[in-house]
Amino acid sequence: MRVLIAPDSFKGTASATAVADALAAGWLAVRPGDQVTRLPLADGGEGTLDVLAATVPGARWHRARVTGPGGAPVTSRWLELPGRTAVTELARSSGLPLLARPDPMGAQTTGLGEVLGRVLDAGAGRILVGLGGSAATDGGTGALAALGARFLDATGEPLRPGGGALAGLARADLSQLRPPPEGGVTCLTDVTAPLLGPRGAAAVFGPQKGADRAQIARLETGLARLTALLGGDPAAPGAGAAGGTGYGLAAAWGAALTPGAAELSRLAGLDRALAGADLVITGEGRFDATSLTGKTCGTVLAAAAAAGVPVALVAGQIIGTQPGIARIVSLAALAGGTAAAQAAPRRWLRLAGRQLARGTAAGMR
């Protein structure tokens, strides 16, 4: 039997590579003669670079010392792919875990812009930017400022970093903004949220970054002022990704916004891998209705259905059901609770792999 294991990370507990390895170990412990292929995936957020490094031949790592989301230096990394394509991951330079404590008003995306500058200096012909896990809600102004843009108050002074300052924005000067590479810039978004409104960057994701109701209102005001100066399409799906960084890079730098899971699955070769598979196993930390809105599991489910390959799903938690999935395994159910599953995810993933091998192989030959 030919089994393809193509999961996302179980965020905060196990990387996509670790998930794939644990599921494979469990499966092979029961059926050692099967052909098991691991294809870890991502959706543009945490783990994007690791997935591409593991699946794209010739990928090369680069390091960059940049300004972190709180202003202190951090060491980030970016990936060079064959064909002069560079891939950056916002979470590595401007991510929420890089802060000792959340700073919803002052956190900045400056580090992302500094990484992009290094990428341009290295001669990249095309850039992919993985958006997800941002600490900031600054509309990408920190990144754009690092690339030469100026965001000024009514007196002509540069705004201080962070989304909280955007409420005082009076003028945007893009005259010194470095141009994008000739092959363009693509933002890999892990959400479809617009920039503004009740489904937007401040309202939905601000609380996750520590913002209270008053701070959310101020962040929303600042983002609205930014749109009045930059134009663009704040309602575009993904414009609200990474605290509005999707919008900022699209409006000021001409970046295209695209669902990250679909693009990363294409780069990793999901369709080719499915062509020779008898079963695909996918998974993520929490599977619910949002999993089908551009995320990795939904992308794998759709691709498998098109290829006629049955699917098994493994997730830490499963909320609701999805027609068309051959087998579903919840780690929380196996472990007797979510906390127990999160405490030892690889143990329960291996057990899930063993359970799937025992229970599904006979009916899927």
Protein backbone atom coordinates (compact mmCIF):
# COMPACT_ATOMS: atom_id res chain seq x y z
CA MET A 1 0.00 0.00 0.00
CA ARG A 2 1.27 3.48 -0.90
CA VAL A 3 0.56 6.03 1.83
CA LEU A 4 1.14 9.77 1.57
CA ILE A 5 1.37 11.68 4.87
CA ALA A 6 0.79 15.39 4.22
CA PRO A 7 0.00 17.30 7.44
CA ASP A 8 0.29 20.89 8.61
CA SER A 9 2.02 21.65 11.91
CA PHE A 10 0.14 21.16 15.16
CA LYS A 11 0.85 24.74 16.16
CA GLY A 12 2.64 25.12 19.46
CA THR A 13 3.19 21.39 19.88
CA ALA A 14 4.79 19.78 16.81
CA SER A 15 6.14 20.91 13.45
CA ALA A 16 4.68 19.50 10.24
CA THR A 17 7.86 17.43 9.77
CA ALA A 18 7.60 16.02 13.30
CA VAL A 19 3.92 15.21 12.76
CA ALA A 20 4.64 13.41 9.49
CA ASP A 21 7.52 11.46 11.04
CA ALA A 22 5.47 10.35 14.04
CA LEU A 23 2.49 9.25 11.94
CA ALA A 24 4.82 7.38 9.59
CA ALA A 25 6.54 5.64 12.50
CA GLY A 26 3.21 4.48 13.86
CA TRP A 27 1.98 3.23 10.50
CA LEU A 28 5.20 1.37 9.69
CA ALA A 29 5.24 -0.30 13.10
CA VAL A 30 2.07 -2.12 12.02
CA ARG A 31 2.70 -2.41 8.26
CA PRO A 32 6.47 -2.24 7.67
CA GLY A 33 6.15 -3.33 4.05
CA ASP A 34 4.11 -0.34 2.92
CA GLN A 35 5.56 2.56 0.94
CA VAL A 36 5.14 5.66 3.12
CA THR A 37 5.95 9.13 1.75
CA ARG A 38 6.18 12.15 4.03
CA LEU A 39 5.18 15.54 2.60
CA PRO A 40 4.96 18.12 5.43
CA LEU A 41 2.98 21.20 4.41
CA ALA A 42 2.17 24.73 5.64
CA ASP A 43 -0.23 27.56 4.88
CA GLY A 44 2.10 30.57 4.91
CA GLY A 45 2.35 30.86 8.67
CA GLU A 46 4.61 29.13 11.14
CA GLY A 47 6.77 26.44 9.56
CA THR A 48 6.56 27.65 5.95
CA LEU A 49 10.33 27.79 5.46
CA ASP A 50 10.89 24.42 7.13
CA VAL A 51 8.39 22.81 4.79
CA LEU A 52 9.99 24.25 1.66
CA ALA A 53 13.49 23.40 2.87
CA ALA A 54 12.39 19.79 3.32
CA THR A 55 10.51 19.43 0.03
CA VAL A 56 12.23 21.65 -2.59
CA PRO A 57 15.56 20.28 -3.89
CA GLY A 58 18.35 22.85 -3.87
CA ALA A 59 16.81 25.13 -1.21
CA ARG A 60 19.44 27.14 0.69
CA TRP A 61 19.18 28.84 4.09
CA HIS A 62 20.36 32.40 4.83
CA ARG A 63 20.54 34.23 8.16
CA ALA A 64 19.77 37.88 8.89
CA ARG A 65 20.12 39.88 12.11
CA VAL A 66 17.17 42.29 12.17
CA THR A 67 14.90 44.37 14.39
CA GLY A 68 12.42 42.22 16.27
CA PRO A 69 8.78 43.12 16.94
CA GLY A 70 9.68 44.82 20.22
CA GLY A 71 12.67 46.71 18.84
CA ALA A 72 15.39 44.38 20.12
CA PRO A 73 17.59 42.50 17.61
CA VAL A 74 16.59 38.98 16.58
CA THR A 75 18.14 36.45 14.24
CA SER A 76 15.84 35.61 11.36
CA ARG A 77 16.26 33.31 8.37
CA TRP A 78 15.10 33.24 4.78
CA LEU A 79 15.23 30.62 2.08
CA GLU A 80 16.65 30.75 -1.42
CA LEU A 81 14.98 28.44 -3.93
CA PRO A 82 16.24 27.53 -7.40
CA GLY A 83 15.31 30.07 -10.06
CA ARG A 84 16.19 33.16 -7.96
CA THR A 85 13.11 32.80 -5.81
CA ALA A 86 13.41 33.89 -2.18
CA VAL A 87 10.98 32.98 0.59
CA THR A 88 10.61 34.89 3.84
CA GLU A 89 8.47 34.09 6.86
CA LEU A 90 7.14 37.05 8.85
CA ALA A 91 6.89 34.97 12.02
CA ARG A 92 10.68 34.59 12.13
CA SER A 93 11.34 38.34 12.27
CA SER A 94 8.11 39.90 13.55
CA GLY A 95 6.23 37.06 15.20
CA LEU A 96 4.31 37.13 18.46
CA PRO A 97 6.48 34.45 20.16
CA LEU A 98 9.49 36.78 19.77
CA LEU A 99 8.01 39.15 22.38
CA ALA A 100 8.44 38.58 26.10
CA ARG A 101 4.90 39.93 26.48
CA PRO A 102 2.34 41.12 23.90
CA ASP A 103 2.53 44.79 22.85
CA PRO A 104 -0.53 45.34 20.67
CA MET A 105 0.08 49.06 20.11
CA GLY A 106 3.87 49.16 19.80
CA ALA A 107 4.80 45.89 18.09
CA GLN A 108 6.28 46.44 14.63
CA THR A 109 7.05 44.62 11.36
CA THR A 110 10.36 46.44 10.77
CA GLY A 111 12.30 43.18 10.86
CA LEU A 112 10.33 41.75 7.96
CA GLY A 113 11.26 44.77 5.85
CA GLU A 114 14.91 44.39 6.82
CA VAL A 115 14.84 40.74 5.74
CA LEU A 116 13.23 41.78 2.45
CA GLY A 117 16.02 44.30 1.98
CA ARG A 118 18.63 41.54 2.42
CA VAL A 119 16.74 39.43 -0.09
CA LEU A 120 16.82 42.28 -2.63
CA ASP A 121 20.53 42.82 -1.96
CA ALA A 122 21.12 39.14 -2.72
CA GLY A 123 19.58 39.57 -6.19
CA ALA A 124 16.29 37.71 -5.77
CA GLY A 125 14.15 37.80 -8.90
CA ARG A 126 10.92 36.86 -7.11
CA ILE A 127 9.85 36.95 -3.46
CA LEU A 128 7.33 34.89 -1.55
CA VAL A 129 6.33 36.28 1.85
CA GLY A 130 4.73 33.91 4.33
CA LEU A 131 2.26 35.90 6.42
CA GLY A 132 1.10 34.55 9.74
CA GLY A 133 1.85 34.74 13.42
CA SER A 134 2.47 38.49 13.49
CA ALA A 135 2.91 40.35 16.77
CA ALA A 136 1.89 43.66 15.18
CA THR A 137 -1.17 45.35 13.75
CA ASP A 138 0.69 48.06 11.86
CA GLY A 139 -0.58 47.44 8.34
CA GLY A 140 2.94 46.48 7.27
CA THR A 141 4.16 50.05 7.77
CA GLY A 142 7.18 48.87 9.73
CA ALA A 143 8.26 46.63 6.86
CA LEU A 144 7.63 49.35 4.28
CA ALA A 145 9.55 51.92 6.35
CA ALA A 146 12.53 49.56 6.48
CA LEU A 147 12.38 49.49 2.66
CA GLY A 148 12.44 53.28 2.39
CA ALA A 149 8.84 54.46 2.83
CA ARG A 150 8.08 57.30 5.25
CA PHE A 151 4.93 57.55 7.35
CA LEU A 152 4.53 61.04 8.80
CA ASP A 153 2.35 62.87 11.31
CA ALA A 154 0.75 66.29 10.82
CA THR A 155 4.01 68.06 11.70
CA GLY A 156 5.99 66.08 9.12
CA GLU A 157 7.73 63.93 11.72
CA PRO A 158 8.05 60.15 11.22
CA LEU A 159 5.59 58.13 13.24
CA ARG A 160 6.95 55.95 15.99
CA PRO A 161 6.76 52.21 15.21
CA GLY A 162 3.63 50.19 15.87
CA GLY A 163 -0.01 50.13 14.93
CA GLY A 164 -0.98 52.39 17.80
CA ALA A 165 0.75 55.32 16.12
CA LEU A 166 -1.20 55.05 12.86
CA ALA A 167 -4.13 57.02 14.28
CA GLY A 168 -1.85 60.06 13.92
CA LEU A 169 -0.86 59.32 10.32
CA ALA A 170 -1.15 62.35 8.03
CA ARG A 171 1.05 61.55 5.03
CA ALA A 172 2.75 58.59 3.34
CA ASP A 173 5.86 59.24 1.25
CA LEU A 174 6.72 56.30 -1.00
CA SER A 175 9.20 58.17 -3.20
CA GLN A 176 12.20 56.36 -1.70
CA LEU A 177 10.57 52.95 -1.37
CA ARG A 178 12.79 50.28 -2.89
CA PRO A 179 11.13 48.68 -5.92
CA PRO A 180 10.10 45.04 -5.78
CA PRO A 181 12.03 42.48 -7.86
CA GLU A 182 11.20 42.07 -11.53
CA GLY A 183 9.38 38.79 -10.85
CA GLY A 184 7.12 40.42 -8.29
CA VAL A 185 6.09 39.65 -4.73
CA THR A 186 3.51 37.11 -3.60
CA CYS A 187 2.12 37.11 -0.07
CA LEU A 188 1.14 33.66 1.16
CA THR A 189 -1.82 34.31 3.45
CA ASP A 190 -3.07 31.91 6.10
CA VAL A 191 -6.40 33.73 6.52
CA THR A 192 -8.96 35.30 4.19
CA ALA A 193 -9.74 38.24 6.47
CA PRO A 194 -10.15 41.75 5.03
CA LEU A 195 -8.24 44.64 6.58
CA LEU A 196 -11.11 46.50 8.24
CA GLY A 197 -14.41 45.83 9.97
CA PRO A 198 -15.68 43.11 12.31
CA ARG A 199 -13.83 40.42 10.36
CA GLY A 200 -10.67 42.49 9.97
CA ALA A 201 -7.14 42.58 11.33
CA ALA A 202 -7.81 44.60 14.49
CA ALA A 203 -11.21 43.17 15.46
CA VAL A 204 -10.44 39.48 14.98
CA PHE A 205 -6.72 39.19 15.62
CA GLY A 206 -6.08 42.18 17.90
CA PRO A 207 -7.29 40.31 21.01
CA GLN A 208 -4.89 37.46 20.23
CA LYS A 209 -2.08 40.03 20.41
CA GLY A 210 -3.25 41.46 23.72
CA ALA A 211 -5.45 44.36 22.54
CA ASP A 212 -8.42 45.43 24.64
CA ARG A 213 -11.59 47.00 23.24
CA ALA A 214 -10.26 50.58 23.29
CA GLN A 215 -6.98 49.53 21.69
CA ILE A 216 -8.81 47.62 18.97
CA ALA A 217 -10.80 50.76 18.14
CA ARG A 218 -7.60 52.83 17.92
CA LEU A 219 -5.88 50.22 15.74
CA GLU A 220 -8.92 50.16 13.45
CA THR A 221 -8.81 53.96 13.16
CA GLY A 222 -5.14 53.84 12.26
CA LEU A 223 -5.59 51.18 9.62
CA ALA A 224 -8.45 53.16 8.09
CA ARG A 225 -6.20 56.25 7.89
CA LEU A 226 -3.58 54.13 6.15
CA THR A 227 -6.08 53.03 3.50
CA ALA A 228 -7.07 56.65 2.86
CA LEU A 229 -3.45 57.36 1.90
CA LEU A 230 -2.36 54.15 0.17
CA GLY A 231 -5.60 53.22 -1.62
CA GLY A 232 -5.54 49.64 -2.80
CA ASP A 233 -8.18 47.12 -1.82
CA PRO A 234 -8.59 46.75 1.94
CA ALA A 235 -11.51 44.35 1.36
CA ALA A 236 -9.38 41.84 -0.56
CA PRO A 237 -9.26 38.36 1.01
CA GLY A 238 -6.03 38.18 2.97
CA ALA A 239 -5.61 41.97 3.29
CA GLY A 240 -5.98 41.55 7.05
CA ALA A 241 -3.31 38.86 7.27
CA ALA A 242 -0.48 39.49 9.72
CA GLY A 243 -2.02 42.60 11.22
CA GLY A 244 -2.70 44.14 7.82
CA THR A 245 0.76 43.45 6.41
CA GLY A 246 -0.95 41.74 3.48
CA TYR A 247 -2.74 44.99 2.70
CA GLY A 248 0.34 47.17 3.11
CA LEU A 249 2.55 45.08 0.83
CA ALA A 250 -0.21 44.83 -1.77
CA ALA A 251 -1.11 48.53 -1.78
CA ALA A 252 2.39 49.99 -1.63
CA TRP A 253 4.56 47.28 -3.19
CA GLY A 254 2.19 45.66 -5.66
CA ALA A 255 2.27 42.30 -3.93
CA ALA A 256 -0.25 39.64 -4.90
CA LEU A 257 -2.26 38.00 -2.11
CA THR A 258 -2.79 34.28 -2.50
CA PRO A 259 -3.84 31.45 -0.17
CA GLY A 260 -0.60 30.08 1.19
CA ALA A 261 -1.70 26.47 1.51
CA ALA A 262 -2.45 26.11 -2.20
CA GLU A 263 0.80 27.73 -3.33
CA LEU A 264 2.97 25.81 -0.87
CA SER A 265 1.27 22.55 -1.79
CA ARG A 266 2.08 23.29 -5.43
CA LEU A 267 5.72 24.04 -4.64
CA ALA A 268 6.01 20.92 -2.50
CA GLY A 269 4.54 18.73 -5.26
CA LEU A 270 1.29 17.60 -3.62
CA ASP A 271 -0.42 16.72 -6.92
CA ARG A 272 2.53 14.60 -8.06
CA ALA A 273 2.64 12.78 -4.73
CA LEU A 274 -1.10 12.10 -4.80
CA ALA A 275 -0.88 10.58 -8.27
CA GLY A 276 0.80 7.48 -6.89
CA ALA A 277 -0.99 7.20 -3.54
CA ASP A 278 -3.60 4.74 -2.26
CA LEU A 279 -4.28 6.81 0.86
CA VAL A 280 -3.39 10.28 2.09
CA ILE A 281 -3.21 11.19 5.77
CA THR A 282 -3.46 14.88 6.65
CA GLY A 283 -3.92 16.74 9.89
CA GLU A 284 -3.58 19.87 12.04
CA GLY A 285 -3.88 20.88 15.66
CA ARG A 286 -7.56 21.82 15.51
CA PHE A 287 -9.88 20.81 12.70
CA ASP A 288 -13.08 22.85 12.43
CA ALA A 289 -15.13 24.72 9.84
CA THR A 290 -12.28 27.20 9.20
CA SER A 291 -10.02 24.32 8.11
CA LEU A 292 -11.84 24.27 4.79
CA THR A 293 -11.32 28.00 4.08
CA GLY A 294 -7.90 27.98 2.47
CA LYS A 295 -5.96 26.10 5.13
CA THR A 296 -3.72 23.09 4.61
CA CYS A 297 -6.20 20.35 5.51
CA GLY A 298 -8.88 21.79 3.26
CA THR A 299 -6.39 22.10 0.41
CA VAL A 300 -5.28 18.48 0.81
CA LEU A 301 -8.89 17.28 1.02
CA ALA A 302 -9.78 19.06 -2.21
CA ALA A 303 -6.70 17.83 -4.06
CA ALA A 304 -7.25 14.26 -2.87
CA ALA A 305 -10.88 14.34 -3.96
CA ALA A 306 -9.83 15.54 -7.41
CA ALA A 307 -7.28 12.73 -7.62
CA GLY A 308 -9.69 10.09 -6.32
CA VAL A 309 -7.52 9.26 -3.29
CA PRO A 310 -9.21 8.46 0.05
CA VAL A 311 -8.25 10.62 3.04
CA ALA A 312 -7.67 9.96 6.72
CA LEU A 313 -7.60 12.92 9.12
CA VAL A 314 -5.64 13.22 12.36
CA ALA A 315 -6.10 16.30 14.54
CA GLY A 316 -5.52 17.32 18.12
CA GLN A 317 -9.14 18.43 18.37
CA ILE A 318 -11.95 17.85 15.90
CA ILE A 319 -14.97 20.13 15.94
CA GLY A 320 -17.79 18.95 13.68
CA THR A 321 -17.46 16.43 10.87
CA GLN A 322 -16.53 16.55 7.21
CA PRO A 323 -18.15 14.29 4.60
CA GLY A 324 -15.75 12.42 2.39
CA ILE A 325 -13.09 11.59 5.01
CA ALA A 326 -12.54 7.86 5.27
CA ARG A 327 -11.19 7.83 8.85
CA ILE A 328 -10.88 10.47 11.56
CA VAL A 329 -8.65 10.24 14.63
CA SER A 330 -8.65 12.80 17.45
CA LEU A 331 -5.53 12.93 19.63
CA ALA A 332 -7.59 14.41 22.46
CA ALA A 333 -9.85 11.37 22.33
CA LEU A 334 -6.88 8.99 22.26
CA ALA A 335 -5.14 10.72 25.16
CA GLY A 336 -8.23 11.28 27.28
CA GLY A 337 -8.11 15.06 26.99
CA THR A 338 -6.60 17.99 25.13
CA ALA A 339 -3.99 18.77 27.80
CA ALA A 340 -2.68 15.20 27.79
CA ALA A 341 -2.49 15.19 23.99
CA GLN A 342 -0.57 18.48 23.94
CA ALA A 343 1.84 17.28 26.62
CA ALA A 344 3.08 14.35 24.51
CA PRO A 345 1.95 14.95 20.89
CA ARG A 346 4.45 12.63 19.21
CA ARG A 347 3.41 9.72 21.41
CA TRP A 348 -0.24 10.15 20.46
CA LEU A 349 0.57 10.79 16.81
CA ARG A 350 2.46 7.50 16.66
CA LEU A 351 -0.53 5.78 18.24
CA ALA A 352 -2.82 7.46 15.69
CA GLY A 353 -0.62 6.14 12.89
CA ARG A 354 -0.80 2.63 14.32
CA GLN A 355 -4.58 2.88 14.67
CA LEU A 356 -5.01 4.02 11.09
CA ALA A 357 -2.78 1.25 9.79
CA ARG A 358 -4.76 -1.39 11.63
CA GLY A 359 -8.21 -0.01 10.86
CA THR A 360 -8.08 1.31 7.31
CA ALA A 361 -5.67 -0.78 5.29
CA ALA A 362 -7.96 -3.74 4.70
CA GLY A 363 -10.75 -1.58 3.28
CA MET A 364 -8.53 0.55 1.09
CA ARG A 365 -6.58 -1.95 -0.96
